[in-house]
Amino acid sequence: MPDLLKFFYICVFRNEDTFMIKISAKTLVDLEFPRIREKLGTYCQTEMGLTKSQKLEPFPTPGETLFSLHQVKEYQSSFMQDAQIPSHGFEPVHKEIELLDIQNSVLELQSFQKIAALSSTANAQVKFFKLYQELYPCLHKTSENVEITEEIVSNVHRVINRFGEIKTEASPLLSQLRKSILQVQEKIDTSF
């Protein structure tokens, strides 16, 4: 029996991904996993989060389970740290991303602002986890392959001001048109 325990220990704790965890649908129901999904859904703030929470399944390997538990522990410990994880809330942009793939499609100004805000939030997270990778090793591992997209933020802010309006200097033609409109308005005002 000690050899069997030793083998189990080696499989689970040394090489966690050597075997898959198989849980039948009946067992999940017996363990009230659908109820757990439902309870989790009450904490979701977006429709996409709710949809994903309802499709959750147990992790297939012990390694994935342990890694995820470490991520949760790191996230919870961040509330007690001096180096708290920066804000990570954002509005969904999947519809805007889909429109970007369609030729001749048009996005509203708010869509560009949402994309820039999401990019800025993701950049802040990646930089934070890189800076504090010793405190948050699992969260850093998850974010280390995420590309920093400063050019998205700077390009949007170069064209759209903080009030959601297109800047006059966004293009030479726009600048010229706005000057012409102002001149015409001044002439109309002086006429009256």
N, C-alpha and C. Protein backbone atom coordinates (compact mmCIF):
# COMPACT_ATOMS: atom_id res chain seq x y z
N MET A 1 0.81 -1.20 0.00
CA MET A 1 0.00 0.00 0.00
C MET A 1 0.85 1.27 0.00
N PRO A 2 1.94 1.37 0.71
CA PRO A 2 2.75 2.57 0.67
C PRO A 2 3.22 2.91 -0.74
N ASP A 3 3.49 1.89 -1.57
CA ASP A 3 3.91 2.15 -2.94
C ASP A 3 2.80 2.82 -3.74
N LEU A 4 1.57 2.40 -3.52
CA LEU A 4 0.44 3.01 -4.21
C LEU A 4 0.26 4.46 -3.79
N LEU A 5 0.40 4.76 -2.49
CA LEU A 5 0.31 6.14 -2.02
C LEU A 5 1.44 6.99 -2.59
N LYS A 6 2.62 6.40 -2.65
CA LYS A 6 3.76 7.12 -3.21
C LYS A 6 3.51 7.45 -4.68
N PHE A 7 2.97 6.48 -5.43
CA PHE A 7 2.65 6.71 -6.83
C PHE A 7 1.61 7.82 -6.97
N PHE A 8 0.57 7.78 -6.13
CA PHE A 8 -0.47 8.80 -6.18
C PHE A 8 0.13 10.17 -5.88
N TYR A 9 0.98 10.25 -4.86
CA TYR A 9 1.62 11.51 -4.51
C TYR A 9 2.44 12.05 -5.68
N ILE A 10 3.20 11.17 -6.33
CA ILE A 10 4.02 11.59 -7.47
C ILE A 10 3.14 12.10 -8.59
N CYS A 11 2.05 11.39 -8.87
CA CYS A 11 1.15 11.79 -9.96
C CYS A 11 0.48 13.13 -9.68
N VAL A 12 -0.03 13.29 -8.47
CA VAL A 12 -0.81 14.48 -8.17
C VAL A 12 0.06 15.69 -7.90
N PHE A 13 1.09 15.53 -7.09
CA PHE A 13 1.82 16.70 -6.65
C PHE A 13 3.11 16.97 -7.42
N ARG A 14 3.63 16.01 -8.10
CA ARG A 14 4.85 16.24 -8.86
C ARG A 14 4.56 16.50 -10.33
N ASN A 15 3.62 15.76 -10.86
CA ASN A 15 3.27 15.91 -12.27
C ASN A 15 1.75 15.89 -12.36
N GLU A 16 1.16 17.02 -12.01
CA GLU A 16 -0.29 17.08 -11.83
C GLU A 16 -1.09 16.73 -13.07
N ASP A 17 -0.50 16.85 -14.23
CA ASP A 17 -1.27 16.66 -15.46
C ASP A 17 -1.11 15.26 -16.06
N THR A 18 -0.67 14.28 -15.28
CA THR A 18 -0.50 12.94 -15.82
C THR A 18 -1.81 12.19 -15.94
N PHE A 19 -2.83 12.60 -15.24
CA PHE A 19 -4.11 11.93 -15.40
C PHE A 19 -5.23 12.96 -15.42
N MET A 20 -6.30 12.58 -16.05
CA MET A 20 -7.46 13.45 -16.18
C MET A 20 -8.50 13.08 -15.13
N ILE A 21 -9.17 14.08 -14.63
CA ILE A 21 -10.25 13.85 -13.68
C ILE A 21 -11.53 13.65 -14.49
N LYS A 22 -12.17 12.52 -14.30
CA LYS A 22 -13.42 12.23 -15.00
C LYS A 22 -14.56 12.27 -13.99
N ILE A 23 -15.48 13.20 -14.20
CA ILE A 23 -16.64 13.32 -13.32
C ILE A 23 -17.88 13.21 -14.19
N SER A 24 -18.73 12.27 -13.86
CA SER A 24 -19.94 12.06 -14.66
C SER A 24 -20.94 13.18 -14.41
N ALA A 25 -21.86 13.34 -15.35
CA ALA A 25 -22.91 14.36 -15.22
C ALA A 25 -23.77 14.10 -13.98
N LYS A 26 -24.04 12.85 -13.70
CA LYS A 26 -24.84 12.49 -12.52
C LYS A 26 -24.14 12.91 -11.24
N THR A 27 -22.81 12.69 -11.19
CA THR A 27 -22.05 13.08 -10.00
C THR A 27 -22.09 14.59 -9.82
N LEU A 28 -21.99 15.34 -10.93
CA LEU A 28 -22.06 16.80 -10.83
C LEU A 28 -23.40 17.25 -10.27
N VAL A 29 -24.46 16.59 -10.69
CA VAL A 29 -25.79 16.92 -10.16
C VAL A 29 -25.86 16.57 -8.68
N ASP A 30 -25.32 15.39 -8.30
CA ASP A 30 -25.32 14.98 -6.90
C ASP A 30 -24.53 15.96 -6.03
N LEU A 31 -23.46 16.51 -6.59
CA LEU A 31 -22.64 17.47 -5.86
C LEU A 31 -23.21 18.90 -5.93
N GLU A 32 -24.37 19.03 -6.57
CA GLU A 32 -25.07 20.31 -6.72
C GLU A 32 -24.25 21.34 -7.49
N PHE A 33 -23.51 20.85 -8.48
CA PHE A 33 -22.70 21.77 -9.29
C PHE A 33 -23.57 22.78 -10.05
N PRO A 34 -24.74 22.38 -10.59
CA PRO A 34 -25.61 23.39 -11.23
C PRO A 34 -26.03 24.50 -10.27
N ARG A 35 -26.22 24.16 -9.01
CA ARG A 35 -26.58 25.17 -8.00
C ARG A 35 -25.40 26.11 -7.75
N ILE A 36 -24.19 25.57 -7.79
CA ILE A 36 -22.98 26.40 -7.62
C ILE A 36 -22.89 27.39 -8.78
N ARG A 37 -23.14 26.90 -10.01
CA ARG A 37 -23.13 27.79 -11.19
C ARG A 37 -24.15 28.90 -11.02
N GLU A 38 -25.34 28.52 -10.57
CA GLU A 38 -26.42 29.51 -10.38
C GLU A 38 -26.01 30.57 -9.35
N LYS A 39 -25.44 30.13 -8.25
CA LYS A 39 -24.99 31.05 -7.20
C LYS A 39 -23.89 31.96 -7.73
N LEU A 40 -22.97 31.39 -8.48
CA LEU A 40 -21.89 32.17 -9.08
C LEU A 40 -22.45 33.24 -10.02
N GLY A 41 -23.48 32.89 -10.76
CA GLY A 41 -24.11 33.82 -11.70
C GLY A 41 -24.64 35.08 -11.04
N THR A 42 -25.02 34.98 -9.77
CA THR A 42 -25.54 36.16 -9.08
C THR A 42 -24.44 37.21 -8.85
N TYR A 43 -23.18 36.81 -8.91
CA TYR A 43 -22.07 37.74 -8.71
C TYR A 43 -21.57 38.35 -10.02
N CYS A 44 -22.05 37.86 -11.15
CA CYS A 44 -21.60 38.34 -12.45
C CYS A 44 -22.18 39.73 -12.73
N GLN A 45 -21.35 40.58 -13.30
CA GLN A 45 -21.78 41.95 -13.57
C GLN A 45 -22.09 42.19 -15.04
N THR A 46 -21.73 41.25 -15.91
CA THR A 46 -22.02 41.42 -17.33
C THR A 46 -22.74 40.18 -17.85
N GLU A 47 -23.39 40.36 -18.97
CA GLU A 47 -24.10 39.24 -19.60
C GLU A 47 -23.11 38.16 -20.05
N MET A 48 -21.95 38.59 -20.54
CA MET A 48 -20.94 37.63 -20.98
C MET A 48 -20.42 36.81 -19.79
N GLY A 49 -20.21 37.47 -18.66
CA GLY A 49 -19.78 36.76 -17.46
C GLY A 49 -20.82 35.76 -17.00
N LEU A 50 -22.08 36.14 -17.06
CA LEU A 50 -23.16 35.23 -16.66
C LEU A 50 -23.20 34.02 -17.57
N THR A 51 -23.07 34.25 -18.88
CA THR A 51 -23.08 33.15 -19.84
C THR A 51 -21.93 32.19 -19.57
N LYS A 52 -20.73 32.74 -19.34
CA LYS A 52 -19.57 31.89 -19.06
C LYS A 52 -19.73 31.13 -17.75
N SER A 53 -20.29 31.78 -16.74
CA SER A 53 -20.44 31.10 -15.45
C SER A 53 -21.40 29.92 -15.55
N GLN A 54 -22.39 30.01 -16.43
CA GLN A 54 -23.35 28.92 -16.57
C GLN A 54 -22.78 27.74 -17.35
N LYS A 55 -21.66 27.95 -18.04
CA LYS A 55 -21.02 26.87 -18.82
C LYS A 55 -19.81 26.27 -18.11
N LEU A 56 -19.53 26.72 -16.88
CA LEU A 56 -18.36 26.23 -16.17
C LEU A 56 -18.42 24.73 -15.94
N GLU A 57 -17.26 24.11 -16.04
CA GLU A 57 -17.09 22.69 -15.76
C GLU A 57 -15.90 22.54 -14.82
N PRO A 58 -15.83 21.45 -14.08
CA PRO A 58 -14.64 21.23 -13.24
C PRO A 58 -13.39 21.13 -14.11
N PHE A 59 -12.25 21.53 -13.56
CA PHE A 59 -11.00 21.44 -14.30
C PHE A 59 -10.67 19.97 -14.58
N PRO A 60 -10.10 19.70 -15.75
CA PRO A 60 -9.84 18.31 -16.11
C PRO A 60 -8.62 17.69 -15.42
N THR A 61 -7.71 18.51 -14.90
CA THR A 61 -6.52 17.95 -14.26
C THR A 61 -6.30 18.59 -12.89
N PRO A 62 -5.65 17.87 -12.01
CA PRO A 62 -5.33 18.46 -10.70
C PRO A 62 -4.44 19.70 -10.82
N GLY A 63 -3.54 19.71 -11.79
CA GLY A 63 -2.65 20.85 -11.98
C GLY A 63 -3.41 22.13 -12.28
N GLU A 64 -4.39 22.04 -13.17
CA GLU A 64 -5.21 23.21 -13.50
C GLU A 64 -6.02 23.67 -12.30
N THR A 65 -6.51 22.71 -11.52
CA THR A 65 -7.27 23.04 -10.33
C THR A 65 -6.41 23.80 -9.33
N LEU A 66 -5.23 23.27 -9.05
CA LEU A 66 -4.33 23.92 -8.09
C LEU A 66 -3.90 25.30 -8.57
N PHE A 67 -3.60 25.42 -9.87
CA PHE A 67 -3.19 26.71 -10.42
C PHE A 67 -4.30 27.74 -10.23
N SER A 68 -5.52 27.34 -10.52
CA SER A 68 -6.66 28.26 -10.37
C SER A 68 -6.88 28.63 -8.91
N LEU A 69 -6.73 27.68 -8.02
CA LEU A 69 -6.87 27.98 -6.59
C LEU A 69 -5.79 28.95 -6.12
N HIS A 70 -4.58 28.81 -6.66
CA HIS A 70 -3.51 29.76 -6.32
C HIS A 70 -3.85 31.16 -6.83
N GLN A 71 -4.46 31.23 -8.03
CA GLN A 71 -4.86 32.54 -8.56
C GLN A 71 -5.89 33.19 -7.65
N VAL A 72 -6.86 32.42 -7.20
CA VAL A 72 -7.89 32.95 -6.30
C VAL A 72 -7.25 33.43 -5.00
N LYS A 73 -6.33 32.64 -4.48
CA LYS A 73 -5.64 33.03 -3.23
C LYS A 73 -4.86 34.32 -3.42
N GLU A 74 -4.17 34.46 -4.57
CA GLU A 74 -3.43 35.69 -4.84
C GLU A 74 -4.38 36.88 -4.95
N TYR A 75 -5.49 36.69 -5.64
CA TYR A 75 -6.46 37.78 -5.79
C TYR A 75 -7.00 38.21 -4.42
N GLN A 76 -7.38 37.23 -3.61
CA GLN A 76 -7.91 37.56 -2.28
C GLN A 76 -6.85 38.24 -1.41
N SER A 77 -5.62 37.79 -1.50
CA SER A 77 -4.55 38.38 -0.68
C SER A 77 -4.24 39.81 -1.11
N SER A 78 -4.60 40.15 -2.36
CA SER A 78 -4.30 41.51 -2.85
C SER A 78 -5.02 42.57 -2.03
N PHE A 79 -6.15 42.22 -1.42
CA PHE A 79 -6.90 43.19 -0.64
C PHE A 79 -6.16 43.56 0.66
N MET A 80 -5.25 42.69 1.07
CA MET A 80 -4.49 42.92 2.30
C MET A 80 -3.09 43.48 2.01
N GLN A 81 -2.71 43.57 0.74
CA GLN A 81 -1.37 44.00 0.35
C GLN A 81 -1.32 45.52 0.15
N ASP A 82 -0.13 46.06 0.25
CA ASP A 82 0.07 47.46 -0.11
C ASP A 82 -0.05 47.62 -1.63
N ALA A 83 0.33 46.57 -2.36
CA ALA A 83 0.28 46.58 -3.82
C ALA A 83 -1.02 45.89 -4.26
N GLN A 84 -2.13 46.63 -4.16
CA GLN A 84 -3.42 46.06 -4.55
C GLN A 84 -3.54 46.04 -6.07
N ILE A 85 -4.22 45.03 -6.56
CA ILE A 85 -4.45 44.89 -8.00
C ILE A 85 -5.26 46.09 -8.47
N PRO A 86 -4.80 46.76 -9.55
CA PRO A 86 -5.55 47.94 -10.04
C PRO A 86 -6.94 47.57 -10.55
N SER A 87 -7.76 48.58 -10.69
CA SER A 87 -9.12 48.39 -11.19
C SER A 87 -9.11 47.59 -12.48
N HIS A 88 -10.03 46.65 -12.60
CA HIS A 88 -10.05 45.81 -13.79
C HIS A 88 -11.45 45.67 -14.39
N GLY A 89 -12.30 46.64 -14.09
CA GLY A 89 -13.63 46.64 -14.68
C GLY A 89 -13.61 47.25 -16.07
N PHE A 90 -14.48 46.76 -16.94
CA PHE A 90 -14.57 47.29 -18.29
C PHE A 90 -15.92 46.95 -18.89
N GLU A 91 -16.26 47.70 -19.93
CA GLU A 91 -17.50 47.43 -20.65
C GLU A 91 -17.21 46.40 -21.74
N PRO A 92 -18.17 45.54 -22.04
CA PRO A 92 -17.93 44.54 -23.10
C PRO A 92 -17.73 45.22 -24.46
N VAL A 93 -16.80 44.69 -25.24
CA VAL A 93 -16.50 45.25 -26.56
C VAL A 93 -16.55 44.20 -27.66
N HIS A 94 -17.15 43.05 -27.40
CA HIS A 94 -17.14 42.00 -28.41
C HIS A 94 -17.89 42.40 -29.67
N LYS A 95 -18.95 43.18 -29.55
CA LYS A 95 -19.68 43.63 -30.76
C LYS A 95 -18.82 44.58 -31.58
N GLU A 96 -18.08 45.46 -30.91
CA GLU A 96 -17.20 46.39 -31.61
C GLU A 96 -16.07 45.66 -32.32
N ILE A 97 -15.53 44.64 -31.65
CA ILE A 97 -14.44 43.86 -32.25
C ILE A 97 -14.94 43.12 -33.49
N GLU A 98 -16.16 42.59 -33.42
CA GLU A 98 -16.75 41.92 -34.58
C GLU A 98 -16.91 42.89 -35.75
N LEU A 99 -17.33 44.13 -35.46
CA LEU A 99 -17.52 45.12 -36.52
C LEU A 99 -16.19 45.52 -37.18
N LEU A 100 -15.11 45.47 -36.42
CA LEU A 100 -13.80 45.82 -36.99
C LEU A 100 -13.41 44.88 -38.13
N ASP A 101 -13.89 43.65 -38.09
CA ASP A 101 -13.58 42.68 -39.15
C ASP A 101 -14.41 42.87 -40.41
N ILE A 102 -15.48 43.65 -40.32
CA ILE A 102 -16.38 43.84 -41.45
C ILE A 102 -15.94 45.06 -42.24
N GLN A 103 -15.69 44.85 -43.52
CA GLN A 103 -15.24 45.95 -44.37
C GLN A 103 -16.33 47.01 -44.50
N ASN A 104 -15.93 48.27 -44.44
CA ASN A 104 -16.81 49.44 -44.56
C ASN A 104 -17.81 49.57 -43.41
N SER A 105 -17.55 48.90 -42.29
CA SER A 105 -18.43 49.08 -41.14
C SER A 105 -18.05 50.37 -40.41
N VAL A 106 -18.97 50.89 -39.63
CA VAL A 106 -18.76 52.15 -38.94
C VAL A 106 -18.94 51.92 -37.44
N LEU A 107 -18.00 52.46 -36.66
CA LEU A 107 -18.11 52.42 -35.20
C LEU A 107 -18.43 53.82 -34.69
N GLU A 108 -19.22 53.87 -33.63
CA GLU A 108 -19.53 55.15 -32.99
C GLU A 108 -18.33 55.57 -32.15
N LEU A 109 -18.30 56.85 -31.79
CA LEU A 109 -17.20 57.36 -30.96
C LEU A 109 -17.10 56.61 -29.64
N GLN A 110 -18.25 56.30 -29.04
CA GLN A 110 -18.24 55.59 -27.76
C GLN A 110 -17.59 54.22 -27.89
N SER A 111 -17.73 53.60 -29.05
CA SER A 111 -17.11 52.29 -29.27
C SER A 111 -15.59 52.40 -29.23
N PHE A 112 -15.06 53.44 -29.86
CA PHE A 112 -13.61 53.64 -29.83
C PHE A 112 -13.14 53.92 -28.40
N GLN A 113 -13.93 54.67 -27.66
CA GLN A 113 -13.57 54.97 -26.28
C GLN A 113 -13.59 53.70 -25.42
N LYS A 114 -14.58 52.83 -25.64
CA LYS A 114 -14.65 51.58 -24.90
C LYS A 114 -13.44 50.69 -25.20
N ILE A 115 -13.05 50.63 -26.47
CA ILE A 115 -11.89 49.83 -26.86
C ILE A 115 -10.62 50.40 -26.22
N ALA A 116 -10.48 51.71 -26.25
CA ALA A 116 -9.30 52.35 -25.64
C ALA A 116 -9.28 52.12 -24.13
N ALA A 117 -10.43 52.21 -23.48
CA ALA A 117 -10.49 52.00 -22.03
C ALA A 117 -10.13 50.56 -21.68
N LEU A 118 -10.62 49.61 -22.45
CA LEU A 118 -10.28 48.21 -22.21
C LEU A 118 -8.79 47.98 -22.42
N SER A 119 -8.24 48.55 -23.48
CA SER A 119 -6.82 48.41 -23.76
C SER A 119 -5.99 49.01 -22.63
N SER A 120 -6.39 50.16 -22.15
CA SER A 120 -5.70 50.82 -21.05
C SER A 120 -5.75 49.99 -19.77
N THR A 121 -6.91 49.41 -19.49
CA THR A 121 -7.07 48.55 -18.31
C THR A 121 -6.19 47.31 -18.41
N ALA A 122 -6.20 46.67 -19.59
CA ALA A 122 -5.37 45.48 -19.79
C ALA A 122 -3.89 45.82 -19.67
N ASN A 123 -3.48 46.96 -20.24
CA ASN A 123 -2.08 47.38 -20.14
C ASN A 123 -1.67 47.58 -18.69
N ALA A 124 -2.55 48.21 -17.91
CA ALA A 124 -2.25 48.44 -16.49
C ALA A 124 -2.11 47.12 -15.74
N GLN A 125 -2.96 46.15 -16.06
CA GLN A 125 -2.89 44.85 -15.40
C GLN A 125 -1.59 44.12 -15.74
N VAL A 126 -1.24 44.10 -17.02
CA VAL A 126 -0.02 43.41 -17.45
C VAL A 126 1.21 44.03 -16.79
N LYS A 127 1.27 45.36 -16.81
CA LYS A 127 2.41 46.05 -16.19
C LYS A 127 2.46 45.80 -14.69
N PHE A 128 1.31 45.81 -14.03
CA PHE A 128 1.24 45.58 -12.59
C PHE A 128 1.74 44.18 -12.25
N PHE A 129 1.24 43.16 -12.94
CA PHE A 129 1.64 41.79 -12.62
C PHE A 129 3.10 41.52 -12.97
N LYS A 130 3.62 42.23 -13.95
CA LYS A 130 5.05 42.10 -14.24
C LYS A 130 5.87 42.72 -13.11
N LEU A 131 5.45 43.87 -12.62
CA LEU A 131 6.15 44.56 -11.56
C LEU A 131 6.10 43.77 -10.24
N TYR A 132 4.96 43.15 -9.98
CA TYR A 132 4.75 42.43 -8.71
C TYR A 132 4.64 40.92 -8.93
N GLN A 133 5.45 40.39 -9.83
CA GLN A 133 5.35 38.96 -10.13
C GLN A 133 5.74 38.07 -8.96
N GLU A 134 6.52 38.60 -8.02
CA GLU A 134 6.88 37.80 -6.84
C GLU A 134 5.68 37.67 -5.89
N LEU A 135 4.85 38.70 -5.82
CA LEU A 135 3.65 38.65 -4.98
C LEU A 135 2.53 37.85 -5.63
N TYR A 136 2.43 37.96 -6.95
CA TYR A 136 1.33 37.34 -7.69
C TYR A 136 1.87 36.47 -8.83
N PRO A 137 2.57 35.38 -8.54
CA PRO A 137 3.20 34.59 -9.60
C PRO A 137 2.21 33.92 -10.56
N CYS A 138 1.10 33.41 -10.04
CA CYS A 138 0.14 32.73 -10.92
C CYS A 138 -0.62 33.73 -11.79
N LEU A 139 -1.01 34.86 -11.22
CA LEU A 139 -1.69 35.88 -12.02
C LEU A 139 -0.73 36.47 -13.05
N HIS A 140 0.54 36.59 -12.69
CA HIS A 140 1.54 37.07 -13.66
C HIS A 140 1.68 36.07 -14.80
N LYS A 141 1.72 34.79 -14.47
CA LYS A 141 1.88 33.76 -15.51
C LYS A 141 0.72 33.82 -16.51
N THR A 142 -0.46 34.11 -16.01
CA THR A 142 -1.63 34.21 -16.90
C THR A 142 -1.52 35.43 -17.82
N SER A 143 -0.92 36.51 -17.33
CA SER A 143 -0.89 37.75 -18.11
C SER A 143 0.41 37.97 -18.88
N GLU A 144 1.42 37.11 -18.69
CA GLU A 144 2.72 37.40 -19.27
C GLU A 144 2.73 37.35 -20.80
N ASN A 145 1.81 36.66 -21.43
CA ASN A 145 1.77 36.59 -22.89
C ASN A 145 0.81 37.59 -23.52
N VAL A 146 0.20 38.42 -22.68
CA VAL A 146 -0.73 39.45 -23.19
C VAL A 146 0.11 40.62 -23.70
N GLU A 147 -0.16 41.02 -24.92
CA GLU A 147 0.59 42.10 -25.55
C GLU A 147 0.11 43.46 -25.04
N ILE A 148 1.06 44.33 -24.74
CA ILE A 148 0.72 45.70 -24.34
C ILE A 148 0.38 46.49 -25.60
N THR A 149 -0.74 47.21 -25.55
CA THR A 149 -1.26 47.89 -26.74
C THR A 149 -1.37 49.39 -26.52
N GLU A 150 -0.26 50.02 -26.24
CA GLU A 150 -0.25 51.47 -26.03
C GLU A 150 -0.70 52.24 -27.27
N GLU A 151 -0.41 51.70 -28.46
CA GLU A 151 -0.74 52.43 -29.69
C GLU A 151 -2.25 52.57 -29.88
N ILE A 152 -3.02 51.61 -29.40
CA ILE A 152 -4.48 51.73 -29.50
C ILE A 152 -4.96 52.92 -28.68
N VAL A 153 -4.49 52.99 -27.45
CA VAL A 153 -4.90 54.08 -26.55
C VAL A 153 -4.45 55.42 -27.10
N SER A 154 -3.20 55.51 -27.51
CA SER A 154 -2.69 56.81 -27.99
C SER A 154 -3.37 57.24 -29.29
N ASN A 155 -3.66 56.31 -30.18
CA ASN A 155 -4.34 56.67 -31.43
C ASN A 155 -5.77 57.16 -31.18
N VAL A 156 -6.47 56.51 -30.26
CA VAL A 156 -7.83 56.95 -29.95
C VAL A 156 -7.80 58.32 -29.27
N HIS A 157 -6.87 58.51 -28.32
CA HIS A 157 -6.79 59.79 -27.61
C HIS A 157 -6.25 60.91 -28.50
N ARG A 158 -5.57 60.55 -29.55
CA ARG A 158 -5.07 61.56 -30.49
C ARG A 158 -6.23 62.15 -31.29
N VAL A 159 -7.29 61.36 -31.48
CA VAL A 159 -8.41 61.79 -32.32
C VAL A 159 -9.64 62.21 -31.51
N ILE A 160 -9.88 61.56 -30.38
CA ILE A 160 -11.08 61.82 -29.59
C ILE A 160 -10.67 62.43 -28.25
N ASN A 161 -11.32 63.55 -27.86
CA ASN A 161 -10.99 64.18 -26.58
C ASN A 161 -11.70 63.48 -25.43
N ARG A 162 -11.45 63.92 -24.20
CA ARG A 162 -12.02 63.24 -23.04
C ARG A 162 -13.52 63.42 -22.91
N PHE A 163 -14.11 64.34 -23.67
CA PHE A 163 -15.55 64.54 -23.64
C PHE A 163 -16.27 63.72 -24.71
N GLY A 164 -15.51 62.92 -25.46
CA GLY A 164 -16.10 62.07 -26.48
C GLY A 164 -16.36 62.79 -27.79
N GLU A 165 -15.62 63.86 -28.04
CA GLU A 165 -15.77 64.61 -29.28
C GLU A 165 -14.51 64.46 -30.12
N ILE A 166 -14.69 64.51 -31.42
CA ILE A 166 -13.52 64.43 -32.31
C ILE A 166 -12.78 65.75 -32.24
N LYS A 167 -11.47 65.65 -32.04
CA LYS A 167 -10.64 66.85 -31.92
C LYS A 167 -10.51 67.55 -33.27
N THR A 168 -10.41 68.86 -33.23
CA THR A 168 -10.26 69.64 -34.45
C THR A 168 -9.00 69.24 -35.20
N GLU A 169 -7.94 68.93 -34.44
CA GLU A 169 -6.67 68.57 -35.08
C GLU A 169 -6.61 67.12 -35.52
N ALA A 170 -7.73 66.40 -35.50
CA ALA A 170 -7.73 64.99 -35.89
C ALA A 170 -7.28 64.81 -37.34
N SER A 171 -7.64 65.75 -38.19
CA SER A 171 -7.17 65.70 -39.58
C SER A 171 -7.12 67.12 -40.14
N PRO A 172 -6.26 67.36 -41.10
CA PRO A 172 -6.18 68.71 -41.69
C PRO A 172 -7.51 69.15 -42.32
N LEU A 173 -8.19 68.24 -42.98
CA LEU A 173 -9.47 68.57 -43.62
C LEU A 173 -10.51 68.98 -42.57
N LEU A 174 -10.60 68.23 -41.48
CA LEU A 174 -11.54 68.58 -40.43
C LEU A 174 -11.22 69.94 -39.83
N SER A 175 -9.96 70.20 -39.61
CA SER A 175 -9.53 71.49 -39.06
C SER A 175 -9.95 72.63 -39.99
N GLN A 176 -9.72 72.44 -41.27
CA GLN A 176 -10.09 73.46 -42.26
C GLN A 176 -11.61 73.66 -42.29
N LEU A 177 -12.37 72.57 -42.27
CA LEU A 177 -13.83 72.67 -42.30
C LEU A 177 -14.38 73.39 -41.07
N ARG A 178 -13.85 73.08 -39.91
CA ARG A 178 -14.33 73.72 -38.69
C ARG A 178 -13.99 75.21 -38.67
N LYS A 179 -12.83 75.57 -39.20
CA LYS A 179 -12.48 76.99 -39.29
C LYS A 179 -13.44 77.72 -40.23
N SER A 180 -13.75 77.07 -41.34
CA SER A 180 -14.69 77.67 -42.31
C SER A 180 -16.07 77.85 -41.68
N ILE A 181 -16.51 76.85 -40.95
CA ILE A 181 -17.83 76.92 -40.30
C ILE A 181 -17.84 78.06 -39.28
N LEU A 182 -16.77 78.20 -38.50
CA LEU A 182 -16.69 79.29 -37.53
C LEU A 182 -16.74 80.65 -38.20
N GLN A 183 -16.04 80.78 -39.32
CA GLN A 183 -16.05 82.05 -40.05
C GLN A 183 -17.45 82.38 -40.55
N VAL A 184 -18.15 81.37 -41.08
CA VAL A 184 -19.51 81.58 -41.56
C VAL A 184 -20.42 81.96 -40.40
N GLN A 185 -20.28 81.29 -39.26
CA GLN A 185 -21.10 81.60 -38.09
C GLN A 185 -20.84 83.02 -37.59
N GLU A 186 -19.58 83.45 -37.62
CA GLU A 186 -19.24 84.82 -37.21
C GLU A 186 -19.89 85.84 -38.14
N LYS A 187 -19.88 85.56 -39.44
CA LYS A 187 -20.51 86.46 -40.41
C LYS A 187 -22.02 86.54 -40.18
N ILE A 188 -22.63 85.39 -39.87
CA ILE A 188 -24.08 85.37 -39.61
C ILE A 188 -24.38 86.16 -38.34
N ASP A 189 -23.57 85.96 -37.30
CA ASP A 189 -23.77 86.69 -36.03
C ASP A 189 -23.63 88.19 -36.20
N THR A 190 -22.67 88.63 -37.01
CA THR A 190 -22.48 90.07 -37.23
C THR A 190 -23.60 90.66 -38.07
N SER A 191 -24.25 89.86 -38.90
CA SER A 191 -25.36 90.33 -39.73
C SER A 191 -26.57 90.67 -38.88
N PHE A 192 -26.73 89.95 -37.80
CA PHE A 192 -27.90 90.18 -36.95
C PHE A 192 -27.47 91.07 -35.85
